C-alpha atoms as a PDB file:
ATOM      1  CA  MET A   1      -6.083 -11.795   9.268  1.00  0.00           C
ATOM      2  CA  LYS A   2      -2.625 -10.285   9.182  1.00  0.00           C
ATOM      3  CA  THR A   3      -2.224  -6.533   9.089  1.00  0.00           C
ATOM      4  CA  PHE A   4       1.089  -5.585   7.528  1.00  0.00           C
ATOM      5  CA  CYS A   5       2.911  -3.055   9.716  1.00  0.00           C
ATOM      6  CA  THR A   6       6.107  -1.122   9.181  1.00  0.00           C
ATOM      7  CA  THR A   7       7.703   2.125  10.326  1.00  0.00           C
ATOM      8  CA  ARG A   8       9.303   4.774   8.128  1.00  0.00           C
ATOM      9  CA  PRO A   9      11.065   8.025   9.029  1.00  0.00           C
ATOM     10  CA  LEU A  10       9.870  11.333   7.664  1.00  0.00           C
ATOM     11  CA  ARG A  11      13.045  12.797   6.201  1.00  0.00           C
ATOM     12  CA  PHE A  12      14.238  16.305   5.351  1.00  0.00           C
ATOM     13  CA  GLY A  13      13.388  15.850   1.643  1.00  0.00           C
ATOM     14  CA  ASP A  14       9.816  14.807   2.526  1.00  0.00           C
ATOM     15  CA  CYS A  15       9.074  18.179   4.119  1.00  0.00           C
ATOM     16  CA  ASP A  16       8.699  21.865   3.338  1.00  0.00           C
ATOM     17  CA  PRO A  17      11.090  24.470   4.843  1.00  0.00           C
ATOM     18  CA  THR A  18       9.028  24.582   8.065  1.00  0.00           C
ATOM     19  CA  GLY A  19       9.419  20.813   8.564  1.00  0.00           C
ATOM     20  CA  ILE A  20       5.826  19.867   7.652  1.00  0.00           C
ATOM     21  CA  ALA A  21       5.435  16.826   5.391  1.00  0.00           C
ATOM     22  CA  TYR A  22       4.543  17.365   1.752  1.00  0.00           C
ATOM     23  CA  PHE A  23       1.465  15.283   0.954  1.00  0.00           C
ATOM     24  CA  PRO A  24       3.089  13.858  -2.233  1.00  0.00           C
ATOM     25  CA  SER A  25       5.819  12.434   0.015  1.00  0.00           C
ATOM     26  CA  TYR A  26       3.145  10.490   1.867  1.00  0.00           C
ATOM     27  CA  MET A  27       2.055   8.915  -1.427  1.00  0.00           C
ATOM     28  CA  ASN A  28       5.629   7.898  -2.188  1.00  0.00           C
ATOM     29  CA  LEU A  29       5.854   6.289   1.264  1.00  0.00           C
ATOM     30  CA  LEU A  30       2.502   4.533   0.698  1.00  0.00           C
ATOM     31  CA  VAL A  31       3.793   3.027  -2.559  1.00  0.00           C
ATOM     32  CA  GLY A  32       6.892   1.779  -0.745  1.00  0.00           C
ATOM     33  CA  VAL A  33       4.811   0.189   2.016  1.00  0.00           C
ATOM     34  CA  THR A  34       2.589  -1.503  -0.581  1.00  0.00           C
ATOM     35  CA  GLU A  35       5.644  -2.769  -2.455  1.00  0.00           C
ATOM     36  CA  ASP A  36       7.120  -4.136   0.786  1.00  0.00           C
ATOM     37  CA  PHE A  37       3.813  -5.893   1.524  1.00  0.00           C
ATOM     38  CA  PHE A  38       3.983  -7.732  -1.813  1.00  0.00           C
ATOM     39  CA  THR A  39       7.637  -8.591  -1.179  1.00  0.00           C
ATOM     40  CA  SER A  40       6.692 -10.024   2.244  1.00  0.00           C
ATOM     41  CA  LEU A  41       4.302 -12.378   0.414  1.00  0.00           C
ATOM     42  CA  GLY A  42       7.119 -13.545  -1.859  1.00  0.00           C
ATOM     43  CA  PHE A  43       5.865 -11.547  -4.848  1.00  0.00           C
ATOM     44  CA  GLY A  44       8.176  -8.577  -5.249  1.00  0.00           C
ATOM     45  CA  TRP A  45       6.915  -6.302  -8.008  1.00  0.00           C
ATOM     46  CA  ARG A  46       9.925  -6.914 -10.245  1.00  0.00           C
ATOM     47  CA  GLU A  47       9.491 -10.687  -9.967  1.00  0.00           C
ATOM     48  CA  LEU A  48       5.719 -10.417 -10.404  1.00  0.00           C
ATOM     49  CA  ALA A  49       6.233  -8.534 -13.668  1.00  0.00           C
ATOM     50  CA  LYS A  50       9.028 -10.827 -14.851  1.00  0.00           C
ATOM     51  CA  ASN A  51       7.564 -14.204 -13.824  1.00  0.00           C
ATOM     52  CA  HIS A  52       3.830 -13.545 -14.202  1.00  0.00           C
ATOM     53  CA  SER A  53       3.735 -10.510 -16.543  1.00  0.00           C
ATOM     54  CA  VAL A  54       1.532  -8.749 -13.972  1.00  0.00           C
ATOM     55  CA  VAL A  55       1.855  -5.149 -12.795  1.00  0.00           C
ATOM     56  CA  THR A  56      -0.244  -3.437 -10.116  1.00  0.00           C
ATOM     57  CA  PRO A  57      -1.388   0.105 -10.922  1.00  0.00           C
ATOM     58  CA  THR A  58      -3.521   2.083  -8.505  1.00  0.00           C
ATOM     59  CA  VAL A  59      -6.966   2.833  -9.940  1.00  0.00           C
ATOM     60  CA  ARG A  60      -8.494   4.505  -6.886  1.00  0.00           C
ATOM     61  CA  LEU A  61      -6.987   6.326  -3.933  1.00  0.00           C
ATOM     62  CA  ASP A  62      -8.970   8.246  -1.325  1.00  0.00           C
ATOM     63  CA  VAL A  63      -6.933   9.906   1.424  1.00  0.00           C
ATOM     64  CA  THR A  64      -8.207  11.746   4.493  1.00  0.00           C
ATOM     65  CA  PHE A  65      -5.640  13.794   6.397  1.00  0.00           C
ATOM     66  CA  SER A  66      -6.106  14.242  10.145  1.00  0.00           C
ATOM     67  CA  ARG A  67      -3.043  16.163  11.249  1.00  0.00           C
ATOM     68  CA  PRO A  68       0.373  17.148   9.890  1.00  0.00           C
ATOM     69  CA  GLY A  69       3.494  15.068  10.099  1.00  0.00           C
ATOM     70  CA  PHE A  70       6.857  16.651  10.810  1.00  0.00           C
ATOM     71  CA  GLN A  71      10.468  16.062   9.873  1.00  0.00           C
ATOM     72  CA  ASP A  72      12.035  13.252  11.929  1.00  0.00           C
ATOM     73  CA  ASP A  73       8.651  11.725  12.845  1.00  0.00           C
ATOM     74  CA  ARG A  74       8.694   7.942  12.740  1.00  0.00           C
ATOM     75  CA  ILE A  75       5.494   7.025  10.929  1.00  0.00           C
ATOM     76  CA  ASP A  76       3.815   3.739  11.781  1.00  0.00           C
ATOM     77  CA  PHE A  77       2.015   2.295   8.754  1.00  0.00           C
ATOM     78  CA  ALA A  78      -0.661  -0.389   8.891  1.00  0.00           C
ATOM     79  CA  LEU A  79      -1.890  -1.962   5.647  1.00  0.00           C
ATOM     80  CA  SER A  80      -5.060  -4.058   5.794  1.00  0.00           C
ATOM     81  CA  VAL A  81      -6.451  -6.117   2.925  1.00  0.00           C
ATOM     82  CA  VAL A  82     -10.211  -5.486   2.830  1.00  0.00           C
ATOM     83  CA  GLY A  83     -11.113  -7.004  -0.545  1.00  0.00           C
ATOM     84  CA  VAL A  84      -9.698  -9.474  -3.060  1.00  0.00           C
ATOM     85  CA  GLY A  85     -11.523  -9.564  -6.375  1.00  0.00           C
ATOM     86  CA  ARG A  86     -10.815 -11.384  -9.623  1.00  0.00           C
ATOM     87  CA  SER A  87      -8.266  -8.733 -10.573  1.00  0.00           C
ATOM     88  CA  SER A  88      -8.764  -6.025  -7.944  1.00  0.00           C
ATOM     89  CA  LEU A  89      -7.303  -5.648  -4.481  1.00  0.00           C
ATOM     90  CA  ASP A  90      -8.562  -3.194  -1.863  1.00  0.00           C
ATOM     91  CA  PHE A  91      -6.434  -1.881   0.989  1.00  0.00           C
ATOM     92  CA  VAL A  92      -6.970   0.415   3.933  1.00  0.00           C
ATOM     93  CA  HIS A  93      -3.796   2.177   5.038  1.00  0.00           C
ATOM     94  CA  THR A  94      -3.292   4.120   8.239  1.00  0.00           C
ATOM     95  CA  ALA A  95      -0.309   6.288   9.058  1.00  0.00           C
ATOM     96  CA  SER A  96       0.224   7.403  12.625  1.00  0.00           C
ATOM     97  CA  VAL A  97       2.881   8.837  14.904  1.00  0.00           C
ATOM     98  CA  GLU A  98       2.967   7.790  18.549  1.00  0.00           C
ATOM     99  CA  GLY A  99      -0.594   6.516  18.282  1.00  0.00           C
ATOM    100  CA  GLN A 100      -1.976   9.695  16.686  1.00  0.00           C
ATOM    101  CA  LEU A 101      -3.506   9.250  13.237  1.00  0.00           C
ATOM    102  CA  LEU A 102      -1.910  11.374  10.496  1.00  0.00           C
ATOM    103  CA  TRP A 103      -3.961  10.032   7.607  1.00  0.00           C
ATOM    104  CA  ARG A 104      -6.063   7.152   6.366  1.00  0.00           C
ATOM    105  CA  ALA A 105      -6.246   5.954   2.774  1.00  0.00           C
ATOM    106  CA  GLU A 106      -8.472   3.565   0.857  1.00  0.00           C
ATOM    107  CA  GLN A 107      -6.683   2.198  -2.194  1.00  0.00           C
ATOM    108  CA  ARG A 108      -7.636  -0.139  -5.034  1.00  0.00           C
ATOM    109  CA  ILE A 109      -5.017  -1.695  -7.233  1.00  0.00           C
ATOM    110  CA  VAL A 110      -5.689  -3.945 -10.207  1.00  0.00           C
ATOM    111  CA  ALA A 111      -3.694  -6.879 -11.554  1.00  0.00           C
ATOM    112  CA  THR A 112      -2.847  -5.773 -15.067  1.00  0.00           C
ATOM    113  CA  SER A 113      -1.151  -7.602 -17.924  1.00  0.00           C
ATOM    114  CA  ALA A 114       2.258  -6.091 -18.596  1.00  0.00           C
ATOM    115  CA  GLN A 115       1.681  -6.770 -22.311  1.00  0.00           C
ATOM    116  CA  SER A 116      -1.924  -5.735 -22.973  1.00  0.00           C
ATOM    117  CA  HIS A 117      -2.290  -3.241 -20.094  1.00  0.00           C
ATOM    118  CA  ARG A 118      -5.719  -4.736 -19.359  1.00  0.00           C
ATOM    119  CA  ALA A 119      -6.990  -6.212 -16.123  1.00  0.00           C
ATOM    120  CA  CYS A 120      -6.135  -9.880 -15.629  1.00  0.00           C
ATOM    121  CA  PRO A 121      -6.790 -12.395 -12.837  1.00  0.00           C
ATOM    122  CA  TRP A 122      -4.390 -12.581  -9.911  1.00  0.00           C
ATOM    123  CA  PRO A 123      -2.041 -15.572 -10.225  1.00  0.00           C
ATOM    124  CA  ASP A 124      -3.475 -18.404  -8.097  1.00  0.00           C
ATOM    125  CA  ASP A 125      -0.501 -18.554  -5.716  1.00  0.00           C
ATOM    126  CA  LEU A 126      -0.595 -14.795  -5.144  1.00  0.00           C
ATOM    127  CA  ARG A 127      -4.381 -14.851  -4.684  1.00  0.00           C
ATOM    128  CA  ALA A 128      -3.934 -17.515  -1.984  1.00  0.00           C
ATOM    129  CA  ALA A 129      -1.320 -15.387  -0.202  1.00  0.00           C
ATOM    130  CA  LEU A 130      -3.487 -12.255  -0.418  1.00  0.00           C
ATOM    131  CA  THR A 131      -6.523 -14.100   0.930  1.00  0.00           C
ATOM    132  CA  THR A 132      -4.629 -15.058   4.104  1.00  0.00           C
ATOM    133  CA  HIS A 133      -4.416 -11.318   4.850  1.00  0.00           C
ATOM    134  CA  LEU A 134      -8.085 -10.574   4.181  1.00  0.00           C
ATOM    135  CA  GLU A 135      -9.815  -8.892   7.112  1.00  0.00           C
ATOM    136  CA  PRO A 136     -12.427 -11.301   8.627  1.00  0.00           C
ATOM    137  CA  ASP A 137     -15.404  -9.022   7.953  1.00  0.00           C
ATOM    138  CA  ASN A 138     -14.483  -9.050   4.257  1.00  0.00           C
ATOM    139  CA  ALA A 139     -13.630 -12.712   3.780  1.00  0.00           C
END
């Protein structure tokens, strides 16, 4: 099990005039964290599309907000792999500031052919890398 962790700042453009984070900004940050996770495995999204003709759209996203984030917060993200299917991949994301949970998200992405736009199996080498991150209760 290897939870992927990273920290991102909440910038001026991510917030409303009072300094509270816009929720769409959180989704943009979540996409960036997910992209960085794939890159850490050696499967950057551009290379995955070019070399394997696979793209990774989100098909389900359930977010529960606990408290607001504010401009200049440094958000700690934790991405956990909780399921690896034939073509699906399930994550749990948490975003917190100084140990206080801002939000939690459950996300499913699906390996999709860049040509047919239909679900396809994960490439074997990527599946192996994803499986090393699978939470023990879900292995």
